[in-house]
Amino acid sequence: TGRYIENHGVIHNMWFNTSTGVRLPYYTTQGISSWWDNGSLPIWITAQRQAKCLHSQGLKTGSVYFPGGRAKYQGEEVNKKLVEPALFNYSNETNWRQNIDTVMEWFTVDNLDFIALYFGEPDSSGHKFGPESTERKNMIKQVDRTVGYLRQRIRESGLESKLNLIITSDHGMQTVIKTNEIVIRTINNFTFKDIDFQLLDYGPNGLLVPKEGKLEHVYSVLKNAHPKLHVYKKEEFPKRFHYANHPRITPLLLYGDPGYVIHG
């Protein structure tokens, strides 16, 4: 969307409800339109509303495995889409090439104007093995081969002179430090009995909803509990992150220094 997290509201890979404590995995979250449709529009919806001329219906768009591609926005969805199955292997190079071939067909046969194409690597291998691992370096080589194949298919499809190829990336990574780890349950005077809802164990950040009357206690217990842990009340969270100013953000926010994961 080109907007900050606190503006578009997709603050986590998981849908969650702080009242019921329910958390849904990434794949299920993909199909919950209310999680994605928060007033910000993905580029494919904007394109569909962008008429080529006064009498046209807008541009034709597609999505292949792209996050948010299963959802509806203000009642609209992408014109054409492929959705990966549950428990999908995102590292399958053969599948990547098949999807590229599908994209070329959508452009040349179905006359689509815009397509969002997603590959889940090297994200998955980086999370699993670490950013400096051999596995991730090999996956980067696979991504490089795939970009080469994509450019080849663009040429073969006669689209090189009229197709804009835009490559975007997700986020950086840092090797997780396994010494002096941040483990919330081991902190003196902290107990999960004081917590109504928690979203921990998903990386360097954490979300907490203390029980009524327990906010100040939990905050004071965690505030200086670990030299690599930073704890803030929602209203005091650093503005530079553009993260906390959204109704989905919990009363307490935690983040660790680079390399530190927050464990529950």
Protein backbone atom coordinates (compact mmCIF):
# COMPACT_ATOMS: atom_id res chain seq x y z
CA THR A 1 0.00 0.00 0.00
CA GLY A 2 2.95 2.33 0.51
CA ARG A 3 1.62 3.15 3.97
CA TYR A 4 3.03 2.59 7.44
CA ILE A 5 1.92 -0.37 9.55
CA GLU A 6 -0.02 1.87 11.92
CA ASN A 7 -1.96 3.19 8.92
CA HIS A 8 -2.84 -0.01 7.07
CA GLY A 9 -3.37 -2.06 10.24
CA VAL A 10 -1.81 -5.36 9.14
CA ILE A 11 0.36 -5.40 12.24
CA HIS A 12 1.18 -9.11 12.30
CA ASN A 13 1.25 -12.22 10.11
CA MET A 14 -1.44 -13.68 12.36
CA TRP A 15 -5.03 -12.57 12.84
CA PHE A 16 -5.78 -12.33 16.54
CA ASN A 17 -8.53 -11.29 18.92
CA THR A 18 -7.39 -9.89 22.26
CA SER A 19 -10.80 -10.50 23.86
CA THR A 20 -11.10 -14.20 23.04
CA GLY A 21 -7.38 -14.99 22.84
CA VAL A 22 -7.83 -16.62 19.43
CA ARG A 23 -4.84 -16.53 17.06
CA LEU A 24 -5.00 -17.81 13.52
CA PRO A 25 -2.00 -19.01 11.47
CA TYR A 26 -0.69 -17.17 8.44
CA TYR A 27 -2.56 -19.21 5.83
CA THR A 28 -5.94 -18.81 7.52
CA THR A 29 -5.30 -15.10 8.07
CA GLN A 30 -4.90 -14.69 4.31
CA GLY A 31 -8.60 -15.34 3.82
CA ILE A 32 -9.97 -12.95 6.46
CA SER A 33 -10.92 -9.80 4.59
CA SER A 34 -11.60 -7.80 7.75
CA TRP A 35 -7.92 -8.18 8.72
CA TRP A 36 -6.71 -6.70 5.44
CA ASP A 37 -9.49 -4.26 4.56
CA ASN A 38 -8.73 -1.32 6.84
CA GLY A 39 -9.16 1.64 4.52
CA SER A 40 -5.90 1.07 2.64
CA LEU A 41 -6.13 -0.41 -0.84
CA PRO A 42 -3.62 -2.82 -2.40
CA ILE A 43 -2.21 -1.74 -5.72
CA TRP A 44 -4.37 -4.18 -7.70
CA ILE A 45 -7.61 -2.62 -6.44
CA THR A 46 -6.30 0.85 -7.23
CA ALA A 47 -5.39 -0.39 -10.72
CA GLN A 48 -8.83 -1.87 -11.26
CA ARG A 49 -10.30 1.53 -10.49
CA GLN A 50 -7.88 3.22 -12.90
CA ALA A 51 -9.81 3.45 -16.15
CA LYS A 52 -7.78 3.47 -19.35
CA CYS A 53 -10.27 5.90 -20.86
CA LEU A 54 -13.63 7.44 -20.01
CA HIS A 55 -15.59 4.42 -21.23
CA SER A 56 -13.45 1.56 -19.91
CA GLN A 57 -13.96 -0.52 -16.78
CA GLY A 58 -10.47 -0.10 -15.36
CA LEU A 59 -7.31 -2.15 -15.58
CA LYS A 60 -7.39 -5.95 -15.34
CA THR A 61 -5.26 -7.37 -12.53
CA GLY A 62 -4.00 -10.66 -11.17
CA SER A 63 -2.34 -12.06 -8.07
CA VAL A 64 -0.23 -15.20 -7.75
CA TYR A 65 0.28 -16.24 -4.11
CA PHE A 66 0.64 -12.59 -3.11
CA PRO A 67 -0.12 -11.82 0.58
CA GLY A 68 -3.56 -10.27 0.85
CA GLY A 69 -4.56 -11.59 -2.56
CA ARG A 70 -7.35 -13.76 -1.15
CA ALA A 71 -9.10 -10.88 0.60
CA LYS A 72 -11.77 -8.43 -0.53
CA TYR A 73 -11.31 -4.69 -0.16
CA GLN A 74 -14.39 -2.50 0.05
CA GLY A 75 -16.22 -5.41 -1.56
CA GLU A 76 -13.74 -5.79 -4.43
CA GLU A 77 -11.20 -8.52 -5.10
CA VAL A 78 -8.43 -9.00 -7.61
CA ASN A 79 -9.76 -9.97 -11.06
CA LYS A 80 -7.78 -13.20 -11.36
CA LYS A 81 -5.82 -15.07 -8.73
CA LEU A 82 -3.92 -18.19 -7.78
CA VAL A 83 -3.88 -19.09 -4.09
CA GLU A 84 -1.36 -21.52 -2.68
CA PRO A 85 -2.72 -24.56 -0.80
CA ALA A 86 -2.27 -25.02 2.93
CA LEU A 87 1.10 -26.47 4.02
CA PHE A 88 2.61 -25.25 0.77
CA ASN A 89 6.32 -25.68 -0.03
CA TYR A 90 7.37 -22.13 -0.90
CA SER A 91 10.85 -23.23 -2.01
CA ASN A 92 9.81 -25.38 -4.99
CA GLU A 93 11.71 -23.96 -7.98
CA THR A 94 9.63 -25.92 -10.49
CA ASN A 95 6.49 -24.33 -9.08
CA TRP A 96 8.09 -20.89 -9.31
CA ARG A 97 8.68 -21.37 -13.03
CA GLN A 98 5.18 -22.72 -13.56
CA ASN A 99 3.79 -19.60 -11.91
CA ILE A 100 5.92 -17.40 -14.15
CA ASP A 101 4.55 -19.24 -17.18
CA THR A 102 1.03 -18.66 -15.84
CA VAL A 103 1.74 -14.96 -15.43
CA MET A 104 2.97 -14.71 -19.02
CA GLU A 105 -0.22 -16.43 -20.21
CA TRP A 106 -2.35 -14.02 -18.22
CA PHE A 107 -0.58 -11.10 -19.87
CA THR A 108 -0.59 -12.41 -23.43
CA VAL A 109 -3.83 -14.44 -23.60
CA ASP A 110 -6.06 -12.91 -20.92
CA ASN A 111 -4.75 -9.37 -21.51
CA LEU A 112 -4.16 -8.50 -17.88
CA ASP A 113 -2.54 -5.14 -17.17
CA PHE A 114 -1.00 -5.75 -13.74
CA ILE A 115 0.01 -8.92 -11.88
CA ALA A 116 1.48 -9.30 -8.39
CA LEU A 117 3.70 -12.41 -8.21
CA TYR A 118 5.02 -13.65 -4.87
CA PHE A 119 7.86 -15.99 -3.94
CA GLY A 120 8.17 -17.02 -0.28
CA GLU A 121 11.95 -17.23 -0.41
CA PRO A 122 14.59 -16.48 0.78
CA ASP A 123 12.32 -15.48 3.68
CA SER A 124 11.43 -19.02 4.80
CA SER A 125 14.97 -20.41 4.64
CA GLY A 126 16.32 -17.31 6.39
CA HIS A 127 13.89 -17.74 9.28
CA LYS A 128 14.56 -21.46 9.54
CA PHE A 129 18.33 -21.63 9.07
CA GLY A 130 19.56 -18.07 9.61
CA PRO A 131 20.60 -15.31 7.18
CA GLU A 132 24.24 -16.42 6.97
CA SER A 133 23.45 -20.11 6.50
CA THR A 134 24.40 -22.17 3.47
CA GLU A 135 20.73 -22.98 2.96
CA ARG A 136 19.77 -19.33 2.63
CA LYS A 137 22.72 -18.54 0.37
CA ASN A 138 21.69 -21.41 -1.91
CA MET A 139 18.14 -20.08 -1.91
CA ILE A 140 19.38 -16.65 -2.99
CA LYS A 141 21.04 -18.37 -5.95
CA GLN A 142 17.69 -20.01 -6.72
CA VAL A 143 15.95 -16.64 -6.57
CA ASP A 144 18.59 -15.24 -8.92
CA ARG A 145 18.00 -18.07 -11.40
CA THR A 146 14.28 -17.45 -11.18
CA VAL A 147 14.63 -13.74 -11.91
CA GLY A 148 16.68 -14.75 -14.93
CA TYR A 149 13.92 -17.12 -16.04
CA LEU A 150 11.32 -14.40 -15.53
CA ARG A 151 13.25 -12.00 -17.74
CA GLN A 152 13.71 -14.74 -20.33
CA ARG A 153 9.97 -15.45 -20.44
CA ILE A 154 9.20 -11.74 -20.73
CA ARG A 155 11.42 -11.60 -23.82
CA GLU A 156 9.95 -14.79 -25.28
CA SER A 157 6.44 -13.43 -24.75
CA GLY A 158 7.21 -10.25 -26.67
CA LEU A 159 6.66 -8.06 -23.63
CA GLU A 160 10.15 -6.67 -23.04
CA SER A 161 9.43 -3.27 -24.58
CA LYS A 162 6.06 -2.72 -22.88
CA LEU A 163 6.15 -4.45 -19.50
CA ASN A 164 7.48 -2.76 -16.37
CA LEU A 165 9.12 -5.30 -14.04
CA ILE A 166 9.24 -4.08 -10.43
CA ILE A 167 11.02 -6.26 -7.87
CA THR A 168 10.35 -5.60 -4.19
CA SER A 169 11.68 -7.28 -1.06
CA ASP A 170 10.23 -8.04 2.35
CA HIS A 171 12.65 -7.29 5.19
CA GLY A 172 16.18 -7.82 6.39
CA MET A 173 17.37 -10.44 8.87
CA GLN A 174 19.95 -10.88 11.58
CA THR A 175 21.38 -14.03 13.10
CA VAL A 176 19.59 -14.91 16.33
CA ILE A 177 21.78 -14.71 19.43
CA LYS A 178 21.41 -17.83 21.58
CA THR A 179 23.24 -16.57 24.66
CA ASN A 180 21.53 -14.46 27.33
CA GLU A 181 18.19 -14.94 25.58
CA ILE A 182 15.09 -12.92 26.45
CA VAL A 183 12.67 -15.34 28.14
CA ILE A 184 9.73 -13.45 29.61
CA ARG A 185 8.47 -16.23 31.90
CA THR A 186 11.80 -16.32 33.77
CA ILE A 187 11.75 -12.63 34.72
CA ASN A 188 11.46 -12.03 38.45
CA ASN A 189 7.95 -11.11 39.65
CA PHE A 190 6.44 -11.69 36.20
CA THR A 191 3.60 -14.16 35.76
CA PHE A 192 1.31 -14.83 32.83
CA LYS A 193 -1.52 -14.89 35.36
CA ASP A 194 -1.37 -11.08 35.11
CA ILE A 195 -1.84 -11.22 31.32
CA ASP A 196 -5.13 -11.46 29.41
CA PHE A 197 -3.51 -11.80 25.99
CA GLN A 198 0.02 -12.22 24.67
CA LEU A 199 1.60 -12.49 21.25
CA LEU A 200 5.19 -13.60 21.81
CA ASP A 201 7.60 -16.14 20.29
CA TYR A 202 7.33 -14.64 16.79
CA GLY A 203 10.56 -12.70 16.58
CA PRO A 204 12.03 -9.59 18.17
CA ASN A 205 8.73 -7.96 19.09
CA GLY A 206 5.87 -8.77 21.45
CA LEU A 207 2.37 -7.60 22.32
CA LEU A 208 0.81 -7.84 25.79
CA VAL A 209 -2.61 -7.06 27.24
CA PRO A 210 -2.34 -7.01 31.06
CA LYS A 211 -5.40 -7.82 33.11
CA GLU A 212 -7.42 -4.92 34.47
CA GLY A 213 -5.44 -3.11 37.14
CA LYS A 214 -2.18 -4.91 36.27
CA LEU A 215 -0.76 -2.62 33.58
CA GLU A 216 1.54 -0.61 35.84
CA HIS A 217 2.76 -3.70 37.68
CA VAL A 218 3.59 -5.65 34.52
CA TYR A 219 5.22 -2.60 32.98
CA SER A 220 7.43 -1.98 36.02
CA VAL A 221 8.43 -5.65 36.24
CA LEU A 222 9.48 -5.86 32.59
CA LYS A 223 10.84 -2.35 32.02
CA ASN A 224 14.46 -2.96 33.07
CA ALA A 225 14.40 -6.74 33.31
CA HIS A 226 16.86 -7.47 30.49
CA PRO A 227 19.55 -5.23 28.95
CA LYS A 228 18.43 -6.13 25.42
CA LEU A 229 14.68 -5.83 26.03
CA HIS A 230 12.74 -2.59 25.46
CA VAL A 231 9.29 -2.20 27.00
CA TYR A 232 6.85 0.62 26.27
CA LYS A 233 3.32 1.63 26.97
CA LYS A 234 1.49 2.07 23.70
CA GLU A 235 1.30 5.86 23.95
CA GLU A 236 5.04 6.10 24.69
CA PHE A 237 6.29 3.85 21.90
CA PRO A 238 8.87 5.66 19.69
CA LYS A 239 7.12 7.52 16.89
CA ARG A 240 9.89 6.68 14.41
CA PHE A 241 8.58 3.11 14.12
CA HIS A 242 5.19 4.31 12.82
CA TYR A 243 3.70 1.26 14.51
CA ALA A 244 1.78 2.00 17.71
CA ASN A 245 -0.92 4.42 16.55
CA HIS A 246 -3.53 1.83 15.61
CA PRO A 247 -6.45 0.29 17.55
CA ARG A 248 -5.03 -3.23 17.12
CA ILE A 249 -1.87 -2.38 19.04
CA THR A 250 -1.95 -3.62 22.63
CA PRO A 251 -1.33 -1.52 25.78
CA LEU A 252 2.22 -2.88 26.19
CA LEU A 253 4.77 -3.33 23.40
CA LEU A 254 8.12 -5.09 23.59
CA TYR A 255 11.06 -5.33 21.23
CA GLY A 256 14.54 -6.77 21.47
CA ASP A 257 17.84 -5.44 20.21
CA PRO A 258 19.01 -6.79 16.83
CA GLY A 259 19.61 -10.52 17.10
CA TYR A 260 17.35 -11.04 20.11
CA VAL A 261 14.08 -12.96 19.91
CA ILE A 262 11.48 -12.50 22.66
CA HIS A 263 10.39 -15.85 24.09
CA GLY A 264 7.24 -16.31 26.17
